């Protein structure tokens, strides 16, 4: 059984307010990945957190909205490096997508990150070559 939306918002807010009250030095970063905040946008943006992390590969359209709603003390982490396939990230495109946010927030408040956990990324190119042998990066020298 799902709780009504208003209850969900109230409980979410109460939980984060309790964290903030009980641990005032704790800097909470609210992370969302594999999509945007959708109908929870307003509720999430009003939480007492030090910052937000967005999956910039899947909800890039939400970045500007979030940037506009951040307080002057909050930071924004944008997952612009595709966490499921870091090797295919076009760094020039990623750079161009970050520029508007960088110019609005400044370097002190913008964090560049992968879109999600890198748990499944191979540790070395040697390992990577075994499962993606025809990729461009396999021939690069990273030393």
Foldseek 3Di string as FASTA:
>chain_A
DDDPPVVVLVVVQVVLVVCCVVPVPDAAEAEDFPEDPPPCVVSVLPHPHQEYEAACVHPVVCVVVSLVSDDLRHAYEYQQQALVCNPPRDVVVSVVSCVVSCVSNPPVRYHYHHRDDNVPPDPDLVVVCVVVVPDPCNPDDPD
